[in-house]
Amino acid sequence: MAQAGTAAGTTGRIVSYTVIYVPTPEFADEAPYALAIIETPDGNRLLARIADAVDSDGLRIGAAVAHDHDDERGPVFRLA
């Protein structure tokens, strides 16, 4: 799978999110996990996983996030 580039240094806010409890086989080892649409300060939007956020009170629309790392499945952010 080709990647569009790295999200290193990217910050943003959650525009929408969902928690995946029944994943596709590729993500079975991560379930449950949060998947969010993130809007960056320049107005771009991207889809990314939010690490360690499923049981967090901070997982909400408008929450600040920061890029944590990229892996073979795409970008991963953390609540800021």
C-alpha atoms as a PDB file:
ATOM      1  CA  MET A   1       0.000   0.000   0.000  1.00  0.00           C
ATOM      2  CA  ALA A   2       1.416   3.377  -0.976  1.00  0.00           C
ATOM      3  CA  GLN A   3       1.409   6.089   1.661  1.00  0.00           C
ATOM      4  CA  ALA A   4       0.770   9.748   0.912  1.00  0.00           C
ATOM      5  CA  GLY A   5       3.579  10.863   3.203  1.00  0.00           C
ATOM      6  CA  THR A   6       4.278  11.217   6.858  1.00  0.00           C
ATOM      7  CA  ALA A   7       2.202  13.133   9.365  1.00  0.00           C
ATOM      8  CA  ALA A   8       5.266  13.901  11.523  1.00  0.00           C
ATOM      9  CA  GLY A   9       4.833  17.100  13.509  1.00  0.00           C
ATOM     10  CA  THR A  10       1.135  17.318  12.670  1.00  0.00           C
ATOM     11  CA  THR A  11      -1.376  18.499  15.241  1.00  0.00           C
ATOM     12  CA  GLY A  12      -5.078  19.015  14.931  1.00  0.00           C
ATOM     13  CA  ARG A  13      -8.551  18.537  16.364  1.00  0.00           C
ATOM     14  CA  ILE A  14     -10.965  15.628  16.113  1.00  0.00           C
ATOM     15  CA  VAL A  15     -13.849  16.416  13.740  1.00  0.00           C
ATOM     16  CA  SER A  16     -15.518  13.018  14.024  1.00  0.00           C
ATOM     17  CA  TYR A  17     -14.608   9.620  15.450  1.00  0.00           C
ATOM     18  CA  THR A  18     -15.787   6.075  15.960  1.00  0.00           C
ATOM     19  CA  VAL A  19     -14.609   3.174  18.068  1.00  0.00           C
ATOM     20  CA  ILE A  20     -14.053  -0.053  16.138  1.00  0.00           C
ATOM     21  CA  TYR A  21     -14.964  -3.158  18.122  1.00  0.00           C
ATOM     22  CA  VAL A  22     -15.251  -5.622  15.221  1.00  0.00           C
ATOM     23  CA  PRO A  23     -12.257  -4.926  12.956  1.00  0.00           C
ATOM     24  CA  THR A  24     -11.140  -6.292   9.635  1.00  0.00           C
ATOM     25  CA  PRO A  25      -8.545  -9.082   9.949  1.00  0.00           C
ATOM     26  CA  GLU A  26      -5.665  -6.620   9.392  1.00  0.00           C
ATOM     27  CA  PHE A  27      -6.567  -4.714  12.567  1.00  0.00           C
ATOM     28  CA  ALA A  28      -7.747  -7.608  14.756  1.00  0.00           C
ATOM     29  CA  ASP A  29      -4.768  -7.207  17.107  1.00  0.00           C
ATOM     30  CA  GLU A  30      -5.719  -3.578  17.847  1.00  0.00           C
ATOM     31  CA  ALA A  31      -9.442  -3.845  18.608  1.00  0.00           C
ATOM     32  CA  PRO A  32     -11.052  -1.976  20.107  1.00  0.00           C
ATOM     33  CA  TYR A  33      -9.475   1.157  18.666  1.00  0.00           C
ATOM     34  CA  ALA A  34     -10.515   4.713  17.890  1.00  0.00           C
ATOM     35  CA  LEU A  35     -10.518   5.975  14.317  1.00  0.00           C
ATOM     36  CA  ALA A  36     -10.894   9.713  13.777  1.00  0.00           C
ATOM     37  CA  ILE A  37     -11.096  12.394  11.147  1.00  0.00           C
ATOM     38  CA  ILE A  38      -8.576  15.028  12.183  1.00  0.00           C
ATOM     39  CA  GLU A  39      -8.546  18.601  10.945  1.00  0.00           C
ATOM     40  CA  THR A  40      -5.106  20.230  10.908  1.00  0.00           C
ATOM     41  CA  PRO A  41      -4.525  23.953  11.553  1.00  0.00           C
ATOM     42  CA  ASP A  42      -4.264  24.590   7.789  1.00  0.00           C
ATOM     43  CA  GLY A  43      -7.713  23.051   7.181  1.00  0.00           C
ATOM     44  CA  ASN A  44      -6.632  19.704   5.757  1.00  0.00           C
ATOM     45  CA  ARG A  45      -8.342  16.568   7.043  1.00  0.00           C
ATOM     46  CA  LEU A  46      -6.949  13.086   7.493  1.00  0.00           C
ATOM     47  CA  LEU A  47      -8.113   9.748   8.824  1.00  0.00           C
ATOM     48  CA  ALA A  48      -6.002   8.247  11.617  1.00  0.00           C
ATOM     49  CA  ARG A  49      -6.104   5.930  14.591  1.00  0.00           C
ATOM     50  CA  ILE A  50      -6.010   7.522  18.045  1.00  0.00           C
ATOM     51  CA  ALA A  51      -3.753   5.513  20.365  1.00  0.00           C
ATOM     52  CA  ASP A  52      -4.913   4.554  23.864  1.00  0.00           C
ATOM     53  CA  ALA A  53      -8.079   6.644  23.611  1.00  0.00           C
ATOM     54  CA  VAL A  54     -10.911   4.111  23.725  1.00  0.00           C
ATOM     55  CA  ASP A  55     -11.370   4.285  27.507  1.00  0.00           C
ATOM     56  CA  SER A  56     -10.401   7.944  27.805  1.00  0.00           C
ATOM     57  CA  ASP A  57     -12.771  10.721  28.801  1.00  0.00           C
ATOM     58  CA  GLY A  58     -10.748  12.925  26.442  1.00  0.00           C
ATOM     59  CA  LEU A  59     -11.940  11.169  23.278  1.00  0.00           C
ATOM     60  CA  ARG A  60     -14.476  13.646  21.965  1.00  0.00           C
ATOM     61  CA  ILE A  61     -15.185  15.923  19.031  1.00  0.00           C
ATOM     62  CA  GLY A  62     -12.956  18.983  19.289  1.00  0.00           C
ATOM     63  CA  ALA A  63     -10.229  17.214  21.286  1.00  0.00           C
ATOM     64  CA  ALA A  64      -6.672  18.252  20.470  1.00  0.00           C
ATOM     65  CA  VAL A  65      -4.403  15.542  19.041  1.00  0.00           C
ATOM     66  CA  ALA A  66      -0.761  15.273  18.032  1.00  0.00           C
ATOM     67  CA  HIS A  67       0.993  12.863  15.693  1.00  0.00           C
ATOM     68  CA  ASP A  68       2.626   9.981  17.562  1.00  0.00           C
ATOM     69  CA  HIS A  69       4.013   7.758  14.809  1.00  0.00           C
ATOM     70  CA  ASP A  70       3.361   6.153  11.440  1.00  0.00           C
ATOM     71  CA  ASP A  71       3.256   2.406  10.967  1.00  0.00           C
ATOM     72  CA  GLU A  72       2.529   0.098   8.050  1.00  0.00           C
ATOM     73  CA  ARG A  73      -1.193   0.772   8.552  1.00  0.00           C
ATOM     74  CA  GLY A  74      -1.012   4.566   8.530  1.00  0.00           C
ATOM     75  CA  PRO A  75      -0.688   7.485  10.941  1.00  0.00           C
ATOM     76  CA  VAL A  76      -1.322   7.164  14.671  1.00  0.00           C
ATOM     77  CA  PHE A  77      -2.146  10.183  16.839  1.00  0.00           C
ATOM     78  CA  ARG A  78      -2.497  10.668  20.612  1.00  0.00           C
ATOM     79  CA  LEU A  79      -4.741  12.941  22.601  1.00  0.00           C
ATOM     80  CA  ALA A  80      -2.809  16.114  23.385  1.00  0.00           C
END
